[in-house]
Protein backbone atom coordinates (compact mmCIF):
# COMPACT_ATOMS: atom_id res chain seq x y z
CA MET A 1 -13.60 3.17 4.94
CA ASN A 2 -14.52 1.60 1.61
CA LEU A 3 -14.29 3.44 -1.70
CA GLU A 4 -14.64 2.27 -5.28
CA SER A 5 -13.84 3.74 -8.67
CA GLN A 6 -16.06 3.78 -11.70
CA LYS A 7 -15.73 0.64 -13.80
CA VAL A 8 -13.61 1.47 -16.84
CA SER A 9 -13.38 -0.29 -20.17
CA VAL A 10 -9.87 -1.20 -21.35
CA ALA A 11 -9.21 -2.20 -24.97
CA LYS A 12 -6.99 -5.09 -23.89
CA PRO A 13 -7.71 -8.69 -22.84
CA ALA A 14 -8.16 -9.36 -19.11
CA GLN A 15 -4.96 -11.46 -18.95
CA TYR A 16 -2.94 -8.57 -20.43
CA VAL A 17 -4.36 -6.11 -17.87
CA PHE A 18 -3.68 -8.61 -15.07
CA ASP A 19 -0.07 -9.09 -16.22
CA GLN A 20 0.46 -5.33 -16.37
CA LEU A 21 -0.95 -4.76 -12.88
CA THR A 22 1.09 -7.55 -11.28
CA ASP A 23 4.25 -5.81 -12.51
CA VAL A 24 4.34 -2.96 -9.98
CA ARG A 25 6.60 -0.87 -12.25
CA ASN A 26 3.55 -0.21 -14.40
CA PHE A 27 1.77 1.69 -11.63
CA GLU A 28 3.94 4.69 -12.48
CA LYS A 29 2.00 4.97 -15.78
CA LEU A 30 -1.28 5.09 -13.85
CA MET A 31 -0.30 7.80 -11.39
CA PRO A 32 -1.89 11.26 -11.51
CA ASP A 33 0.00 14.29 -12.82
CA SER A 34 0.42 15.48 -9.23
CA ILE A 35 2.90 12.70 -8.44
CA ALA A 36 5.93 13.95 -6.57
CA LYS A 37 7.74 10.60 -6.19
CA PHE A 38 7.62 7.06 -7.55
CA GLU A 39 10.30 4.60 -6.52
CA LEU A 40 10.51 0.82 -6.75
CA THR A 41 11.53 -0.74 -3.44
CA GLY A 42 11.51 -4.35 -4.58
CA GLU A 43 10.13 -6.68 -7.19
CA ASP A 44 6.65 -6.44 -5.71
CA SER A 45 6.61 -3.07 -3.91
CA PHE A 46 6.93 0.66 -4.51
CA ILE A 47 6.75 4.01 -2.74
CA PHE A 48 4.85 6.93 -4.17
CA ALA A 49 3.95 10.40 -2.99
CA LEU A 50 1.52 12.94 -4.35
CA LYS A 51 2.24 16.63 -3.93
CA GLY A 52 1.27 17.70 -0.40
CA MET A 53 0.74 14.12 0.82
CA PRO A 54 3.00 11.75 2.78
CA GLU A 55 4.83 8.88 1.08
CA ILE A 56 2.89 5.63 0.80
CA LYS A 57 4.50 2.22 0.35
CA LEU A 58 2.43 -0.42 -1.45
CA LYS A 59 3.21 -4.11 -1.77
CA LEU A 60 1.63 -6.75 -3.98
CA LYS A 61 -0.35 -8.94 -1.55
CA GLU A 62 -2.56 -11.24 -3.63
CA LYS A 63 -3.18 -12.10 -7.26
CA THR A 64 -5.67 -14.39 -8.93
CA ALA A 65 -5.20 -14.59 -12.70
CA PRO A 66 -6.73 -12.98 -14.64
CA SER A 67 -9.38 -11.37 -12.44
CA ASN A 68 -7.86 -9.88 -9.29
CA VAL A 69 -4.79 -7.95 -8.13
CA LYS A 70 -4.55 -6.71 -4.55
CA LEU A 71 -1.97 -4.29 -3.18
CA GLY A 72 -1.69 -3.45 0.49
CA ALA A 73 0.09 -1.03 2.73
CA ALA A 74 3.59 -2.22 3.57
CA SER A 75 3.20 -0.72 7.05
CA ASP A 76 0.72 -1.80 9.72
CA LYS A 77 0.42 1.78 11.01
CA LEU A 78 -2.22 2.64 8.41
CA PRO A 79 -3.73 -0.65 7.23
CA PHE A 80 -5.38 -0.41 3.81
CA SER A 81 -5.64 -2.23 0.52
CA LEU A 82 -6.17 -1.33 -3.12
CA GLU A 83 -7.76 -4.04 -5.19
CA ALA A 84 -8.30 -4.21 -8.96
CA LYS A 85 -11.10 -6.46 -10.17
CA ILE A 86 -10.79 -7.35 -13.84
CA ASP A 87 -13.69 -8.71 -15.88
CA THR A 88 -13.50 -10.19 -19.36
CA VAL A 89 -15.82 -8.32 -21.71
CA SER A 90 -14.54 -9.94 -24.92
CA GLU A 91 -11.30 -11.40 -26.27
CA SER A 92 -9.93 -7.89 -26.78
CA GLU A 93 -11.66 -5.90 -24.03
CA SER A 94 -11.88 -5.98 -20.25
CA GLY A 95 -13.54 -4.00 -17.50
CA VAL A 96 -11.55 -2.82 -14.49
CA GLN A 97 -12.79 -1.43 -11.19
CA LEU A 98 -10.66 -0.39 -8.22
CA PHE A 99 -11.65 -0.87 -4.59
CA PHE A 100 -9.97 0.87 -1.64
CA GLU A 101 -10.44 -0.45 1.87
CA GLY A 102 -8.82 1.19 4.88
CA GLU A 103 -9.07 1.25 8.64
CA PHE A 104 -8.89 4.88 9.73
CA ASN A 105 -10.27 6.76 12.69
CA ALA A 106 -13.17 9.11 11.91
CA MET A 107 -11.00 12.24 11.76
CA MET A 108 -8.43 10.64 9.45
CA ALA A 109 -11.18 9.16 7.25
CA MET A 110 -12.74 12.60 6.82
CA MET A 111 -9.40 14.09 5.79
CA VAL A 112 -8.37 11.38 3.32
CA LYS A 113 -11.69 10.39 1.72
CA GLY A 114 -11.66 13.13 -0.94
CA PRO A 115 -8.02 12.77 -2.01
CA ILE A 116 -8.19 8.96 -2.05
CA SER A 117 -11.43 8.96 -4.06
CA LYS A 118 -9.85 11.28 -6.60
CA PHE A 119 -6.69 9.15 -6.65
CA ILE A 120 -8.44 5.83 -7.39
CA GLU A 121 -10.59 7.50 -10.06
CA THR A 122 -7.39 8.77 -11.73
CA LEU A 123 -5.77 5.31 -11.54
CA ALA A 124 -8.86 3.77 -13.13
CA ALA A 125 -9.08 6.43 -15.82
CA ASN A 126 -5.42 5.83 -16.71
CA MET A 127 -5.85 2.05 -17.20
CA ASN A 128 -5.81 2.59 -20.97
CA LYS A 129 -2.17 3.74 -20.65
CA LEU A 130 -1.07 0.17 -19.84
């Protein structure tokens, strides 16, 4: 299952956005209001839970300055990734788009597509909070 957010404009340079996204503590600022839990589990990983959803552990997997940050599931039970692609628009502005890729069976994909789509749209919309 592949999902993508709208591309959002951030009034910060691409390198700044990249630096903020590679510090996993900053993901707490991007979370939706329905967050029930956010906990750092290491320098490059965190657990979060939205109300009514199970806990998800994400770990920083790849980074390519200043254009790409990829997080992945810390567990192999539900393999998925969340990738941020950062484009330089000008010296003081960048564009960010999120991409979700997951391997789910058809039933699971049907159940999680709506909530995950809404989640990545919220993360993207909150990029200006960095």
